[in-house]
Amino acid sequence: MLGGAKMLKSCSACGRIHEMNKNCYKGKIKKDTKSNKFRNTNKWHMKSREIKSRDNYLCQICIEGKYDTDYVYNYNQLEVHHIVPIEDDYSLKLDNNNLITLCKFHHVKAEEKIIPTEELKELIEKRYPPTTENNKNSEKSKPTAHLHTHNI
């Protein structure tokens, strides 16, 4: 330490800043919940990749230059955030209008409600005006079989 200043590090477990010698265990042990099981499914991993692609692999808050943004075009440590948490409304878990790409730093701020839910909703609506395509939930958008009848 120089002049009594503490050495700090960015925590890979929780995204916060801690002293160098602190071990953070936040997030290392996950509860066996319906939402945590969902996050391990192939459907979620595919949807997560789809949303990152839709958002051009950029943090949508960094683009706005808000909430202590360091880089306007941040493509590092990207995560997909559920604007309305899965625990609050499980039916929105794959809804494109409920998902947004954030860097790890802003994801923590969104989870802690430092970035308000309404602001995230407005950001998605501004960038992707509601259409039937944007509202598609991969479970709801499965193709349906069409029956053809022929007059004999």
C-alpha atoms as a PDB file:
ATOM      1  CA  MET A   1       0.000   0.000   0.000  1.00  0.00           C
ATOM      2  CA  LEU A   2       1.187   3.448  -0.838  1.00  0.00           C
ATOM      3  CA  GLY A   3       0.581   6.172   1.731  1.00  0.00           C
ATOM      4  CA  GLY A   4      -2.114   4.139   3.489  1.00  0.00           C
ATOM      5  CA  ALA A   5      -4.220   3.751   0.331  1.00  0.00           C
ATOM      6  CA  LYS A   6      -5.963   0.404  -0.002  1.00  0.00           C
ATOM      7  CA  MET A   7      -5.472  -1.686  -3.101  1.00  0.00           C
ATOM      8  CA  LEU A   8      -8.789  -2.439  -4.789  1.00  0.00           C
ATOM      9  CA  LYS A   9      -9.930  -4.965  -7.367  1.00  0.00           C
ATOM     10  CA  SER A  10     -13.016  -5.565  -9.475  1.00  0.00           C
ATOM     11  CA  CYS A  11     -14.798  -8.672  -8.203  1.00  0.00           C
ATOM     12  CA  SER A  12     -15.570 -11.364 -10.779  1.00  0.00           C
ATOM     13  CA  ALA A  13     -18.214 -12.901  -8.477  1.00  0.00           C
ATOM     14  CA  CYS A  14     -20.434  -9.867  -7.851  1.00  0.00           C
ATOM     15  CA  GLY A  15     -19.067  -7.110 -10.107  1.00  0.00           C
ATOM     16  CA  ARG A  16     -18.343  -4.742  -7.229  1.00  0.00           C
ATOM     17  CA  ILE A  17     -15.053  -3.237  -6.077  1.00  0.00           C
ATOM     18  CA  HIS A  18     -13.383  -4.892  -3.036  1.00  0.00           C
ATOM     19  CA  GLU A  19     -10.055  -4.734  -1.241  1.00  0.00           C
ATOM     20  CA  MET A  20      -7.432  -6.954  -2.884  1.00  0.00           C
ATOM     21  CA  ASN A  21      -7.325  -9.436   0.005  1.00  0.00           C
ATOM     22  CA  LYS A  22     -11.118  -9.937   0.240  1.00  0.00           C
ATOM     23  CA  ASN A  23     -12.659 -13.124  -1.136  1.00  0.00           C
ATOM     24  CA  CYS A  24     -16.239 -12.573  -2.275  1.00  0.00           C
ATOM     25  CA  TYR A  25     -18.520 -15.567  -2.302  1.00  0.00           C
ATOM     26  CA  LYS A  26     -21.614 -13.701  -3.482  1.00  0.00           C
ATOM     27  CA  GLY A  27     -23.207 -15.545  -6.353  1.00  0.00           C
ATOM     28  CA  LYS A  28     -20.996 -18.623  -6.048  1.00  0.00           C
ATOM     29  CA  ILE A  29     -23.700 -20.783  -4.441  1.00  0.00           C
ATOM     30  CA  LYS A  30     -26.931 -20.704  -6.382  1.00  0.00           C
ATOM     31  CA  LYS A  31     -30.241 -21.843  -4.999  1.00  0.00           C
ATOM     32  CA  ASP A  32     -32.070 -24.652  -6.741  1.00  0.00           C
ATOM     33  CA  THR A  33     -34.959 -22.500  -8.011  1.00  0.00           C
ATOM     34  CA  LYS A  34     -37.099 -22.657 -11.139  1.00  0.00           C
ATOM     35  CA  SER A  35     -35.456 -19.489 -12.473  1.00  0.00           C
ATOM     36  CA  ASN A  36     -31.907 -20.763 -11.845  1.00  0.00           C
ATOM     37  CA  LYS A  37     -32.748 -24.060 -13.555  1.00  0.00           C
ATOM     38  CA  PHE A  38     -34.086 -22.083 -16.520  1.00  0.00           C
ATOM     39  CA  ARG A  39     -30.819 -20.133 -16.815  1.00  0.00           C
ATOM     40  CA  ASN A  40     -29.030 -23.428 -17.494  1.00  0.00           C
ATOM     41  CA  THR A  41     -31.300 -24.442 -20.389  1.00  0.00           C
ATOM     42  CA  ASN A  42     -30.408 -24.448 -24.062  1.00  0.00           C
ATOM     43  CA  LYS A  43     -33.456 -22.214 -24.725  1.00  0.00           C
ATOM     44  CA  TRP A  44     -31.997 -19.501 -22.487  1.00  0.00           C
ATOM     45  CA  HIS A  45     -28.497 -19.769 -23.965  1.00  0.00           C
ATOM     46  CA  MET A  46     -29.907 -19.479 -27.493  1.00  0.00           C
ATOM     47  CA  LYS A  47     -32.129 -16.525 -26.530  1.00  0.00           C
ATOM     48  CA  SER A  48     -29.210 -14.834 -24.765  1.00  0.00           C
ATOM     49  CA  ARG A  49     -27.099 -15.068 -27.939  1.00  0.00           C
ATOM     50  CA  GLU A  50     -30.055 -13.760 -29.989  1.00  0.00           C
ATOM     51  CA  ILE A  51     -30.478 -10.703 -27.724  1.00  0.00           C
ATOM     52  CA  LYS A  52     -26.745  -9.914 -27.739  1.00  0.00           C
ATOM     53  CA  SER A  53     -26.825 -10.061 -31.533  1.00  0.00           C
ATOM     54  CA  ARG A  54     -29.947  -7.852 -31.659  1.00  0.00           C
ATOM     55  CA  ASP A  55     -28.129  -5.310 -29.458  1.00  0.00           C
ATOM     56  CA  ASN A  56     -25.009  -5.471 -31.672  1.00  0.00           C
ATOM     57  CA  TYR A  57     -22.951  -7.017 -28.863  1.00  0.00           C
ATOM     58  CA  LEU A  58     -22.893  -3.702 -26.995  1.00  0.00           C
ATOM     59  CA  CYS A  59     -24.006  -2.655 -23.520  1.00  0.00           C
ATOM     60  CA  GLN A  60     -27.159  -0.635 -24.075  1.00  0.00           C
ATOM     61  CA  ILE A  61     -26.535   1.613 -21.033  1.00  0.00           C
ATOM     62  CA  CYS A  62     -22.940   2.350 -22.080  1.00  0.00           C
ATOM     63  CA  ILE A  63     -24.243   3.503 -25.477  1.00  0.00           C
ATOM     64  CA  GLU A  64     -26.403   6.031 -23.635  1.00  0.00           C
ATOM     65  CA  GLY A  65     -23.376   7.223 -21.629  1.00  0.00           C
ATOM     66  CA  LYS A  66     -25.240   6.896 -18.323  1.00  0.00           C
ATOM     67  CA  TYR A  67     -24.460   5.487 -14.882  1.00  0.00           C
ATOM     68  CA  ASP A  68     -20.692   5.952 -14.712  1.00  0.00           C
ATOM     69  CA  THR A  69     -20.022   4.720 -18.245  1.00  0.00           C
ATOM     70  CA  ASP A  70     -16.334   4.499 -19.103  1.00  0.00           C
ATOM     71  CA  TYR A  71     -16.625   3.272 -22.699  1.00  0.00           C
ATOM     72  CA  VAL A  72     -19.489   4.221 -25.008  1.00  0.00           C
ATOM     73  CA  TYR A  73     -19.013   1.100 -27.127  1.00  0.00           C
ATOM     74  CA  ASN A  74     -18.548  -1.529 -24.452  1.00  0.00           C
ATOM     75  CA  TYR A  75     -18.530  -5.097 -25.746  1.00  0.00           C
ATOM     76  CA  ASN A  76     -16.744  -6.629 -22.726  1.00  0.00           C
ATOM     77  CA  GLN A  77     -18.309  -8.943 -20.148  1.00  0.00           C
ATOM     78  CA  LEU A  78     -21.774  -8.752 -21.699  1.00  0.00           C
ATOM     79  CA  GLU A  79     -24.784 -10.320 -19.999  1.00  0.00           C
ATOM     80  CA  VAL A  80     -28.473 -10.399 -20.847  1.00  0.00           C
ATOM     81  CA  HIS A  81     -30.693  -8.863 -18.170  1.00  0.00           C
ATOM     82  CA  HIS A  82     -34.357  -9.664 -17.494  1.00  0.00           C
ATOM     83  CA  ILE A  83     -35.958  -6.241 -17.015  1.00  0.00           C
ATOM     84  CA  VAL A  84     -38.857  -7.820 -15.133  1.00  0.00           C
ATOM     85  CA  PRO A  85     -37.137 -10.559 -13.109  1.00  0.00           C
ATOM     86  CA  ILE A  86     -38.021 -14.174 -13.878  1.00  0.00           C
ATOM     87  CA  GLU A  87     -39.059 -14.576 -10.251  1.00  0.00           C
ATOM     88  CA  ASP A  88     -41.652 -11.787 -10.683  1.00  0.00           C
ATOM     89  CA  ASP A  89     -43.129 -12.954 -14.011  1.00  0.00           C
ATOM     90  CA  TYR A  90     -41.925 -16.314 -15.337  1.00  0.00           C
ATOM     91  CA  SER A  91     -43.950 -15.880 -18.551  1.00  0.00           C
ATOM     92  CA  LEU A  92     -41.607 -13.054 -19.679  1.00  0.00           C
ATOM     93  CA  LYS A  93     -38.456 -15.150 -19.411  1.00  0.00           C
ATOM     94  CA  LEU A  94     -37.932 -15.274 -23.205  1.00  0.00           C
ATOM     95  CA  ASP A  95     -39.788 -12.109 -24.233  1.00  0.00           C
ATOM     96  CA  ASN A  96     -37.532  -9.919 -26.385  1.00  0.00           C
ATOM     97  CA  ASN A  97     -39.045  -6.744 -24.913  1.00  0.00           C
ATOM     98  CA  ASN A  98     -38.066  -7.904 -21.429  1.00  0.00           C
ATOM     99  CA  LEU A  99     -34.422  -8.581 -22.306  1.00  0.00           C
ATOM    100  CA  ILE A 100     -31.514  -6.170 -22.716  1.00  0.00           C
ATOM    101  CA  THR A 101     -27.750  -6.558 -23.177  1.00  0.00           C
ATOM    102  CA  LEU A 102     -25.708  -4.982 -20.383  1.00  0.00           C
ATOM    103  CA  CYS A 103     -22.066  -5.102 -19.356  1.00  0.00           C
ATOM    104  CA  LYS A 104     -21.421  -6.782 -16.021  1.00  0.00           C
ATOM    105  CA  PHE A 105     -21.016  -3.389 -14.292  1.00  0.00           C
ATOM    106  CA  HIS A 106     -24.413  -2.098 -15.453  1.00  0.00           C
ATOM    107  CA  HIS A 107     -26.065  -5.485 -14.923  1.00  0.00           C
ATOM    108  CA  VAL A 108     -25.220  -5.243 -11.213  1.00  0.00           C
ATOM    109  CA  LYS A 109     -26.634  -1.696 -11.136  1.00  0.00           C
ATOM    110  CA  ALA A 110     -29.832  -2.905 -12.850  1.00  0.00           C
ATOM    111  CA  GLU A 111     -30.202  -5.824 -10.425  1.00  0.00           C
ATOM    112  CA  GLU A 112     -29.801  -3.425  -7.499  1.00  0.00           C
ATOM    113  CA  LYS A 113     -32.419  -1.082  -9.080  1.00  0.00           C
ATOM    114  CA  ILE A 114     -29.866   1.748  -9.310  1.00  0.00           C
ATOM    115  CA  ILE A 115     -30.878   1.714 -12.967  1.00  0.00           C
ATOM    116  CA  PRO A 116     -34.686   1.857 -12.750  1.00  0.00           C
ATOM    117  CA  THR A 117     -36.767  -0.869 -14.412  1.00  0.00           C
ATOM    118  CA  GLU A 118     -38.871   1.766 -16.189  1.00  0.00           C
ATOM    119  CA  GLU A 119     -35.774   3.331 -17.753  1.00  0.00           C
ATOM    120  CA  LEU A 120     -34.703  -0.060 -19.145  1.00  0.00           C
ATOM    121  CA  LYS A 121     -38.209  -0.673 -20.532  1.00  0.00           C
ATOM    122  CA  GLU A 122     -38.237   2.753 -22.196  1.00  0.00           C
ATOM    123  CA  LEU A 123     -34.796   2.143 -23.688  1.00  0.00           C
ATOM    124  CA  ILE A 124     -35.945  -1.120 -25.302  1.00  0.00           C
ATOM    125  CA  GLU A 125     -39.170   0.472 -26.578  1.00  0.00           C
ATOM    126  CA  LYS A 126     -37.181   3.385 -28.057  1.00  0.00           C
ATOM    127  CA  ARG A 127     -34.655   1.127 -29.809  1.00  0.00           C
ATOM    128  CA  TYR A 128     -37.089  -1.602 -30.812  1.00  0.00           C
ATOM    129  CA  PRO A 129     -40.621  -0.242 -31.206  1.00  0.00           C
ATOM    130  CA  PRO A 130     -43.185  -2.942 -30.414  1.00  0.00           C
ATOM    131  CA  THR A 131     -43.987  -5.159 -33.360  1.00  0.00           C
ATOM    132  CA  THR A 132     -45.255  -8.694 -33.484  1.00  0.00           C
ATOM    133  CA  GLU A 133     -41.718  -9.811 -34.346  1.00  0.00           C
ATOM    134  CA  ASN A 134     -40.170  -8.095 -31.311  1.00  0.00           C
ATOM    135  CA  ASN A 135     -42.838  -9.437 -28.982  1.00  0.00           C
ATOM    136  CA  LYS A 136     -42.190 -13.004 -29.976  1.00  0.00           C
ATOM    137  CA  ASN A 137     -41.458 -15.340 -27.157  1.00  0.00           C
ATOM    138  CA  SER A 138     -39.640 -18.383 -28.540  1.00  0.00           C
ATOM    139  CA  GLU A 139     -42.176 -20.620 -26.818  1.00  0.00           C
ATOM    140  CA  LYS A 140     -45.071 -18.735 -28.411  1.00  0.00           C
ATOM    141  CA  SER A 141     -43.483 -18.372 -31.823  1.00  0.00           C
ATOM    142  CA  LYS A 142     -43.243 -22.024 -32.739  1.00  0.00           C
ATOM    143  CA  PRO A 143     -44.630 -22.649 -36.226  1.00  0.00           C
ATOM    144  CA  THR A 144     -48.096 -24.051 -36.389  1.00  0.00           C
ATOM    145  CA  ALA A 145     -49.175 -26.798 -38.743  1.00  0.00           C
ATOM    146  CA  HIS A 146     -51.550 -25.739 -41.497  1.00  0.00           C
ATOM    147  CA  LEU A 147     -54.158 -28.172 -42.659  1.00  0.00           C
ATOM    148  CA  HIS A 148     -55.117 -28.027 -46.290  1.00  0.00           C
ATOM    149  CA  THR A 149     -58.450 -29.364 -47.425  1.00  0.00           C
ATOM    150  CA  HIS A 150     -59.279 -30.203 -50.947  1.00  0.00           C
ATOM    151  CA  ASN A 151     -62.713 -30.429 -52.476  1.00  0.00           C
ATOM    152  CA  ILE A 152     -63.223 -33.728 -54.213  1.00  0.00           C
END
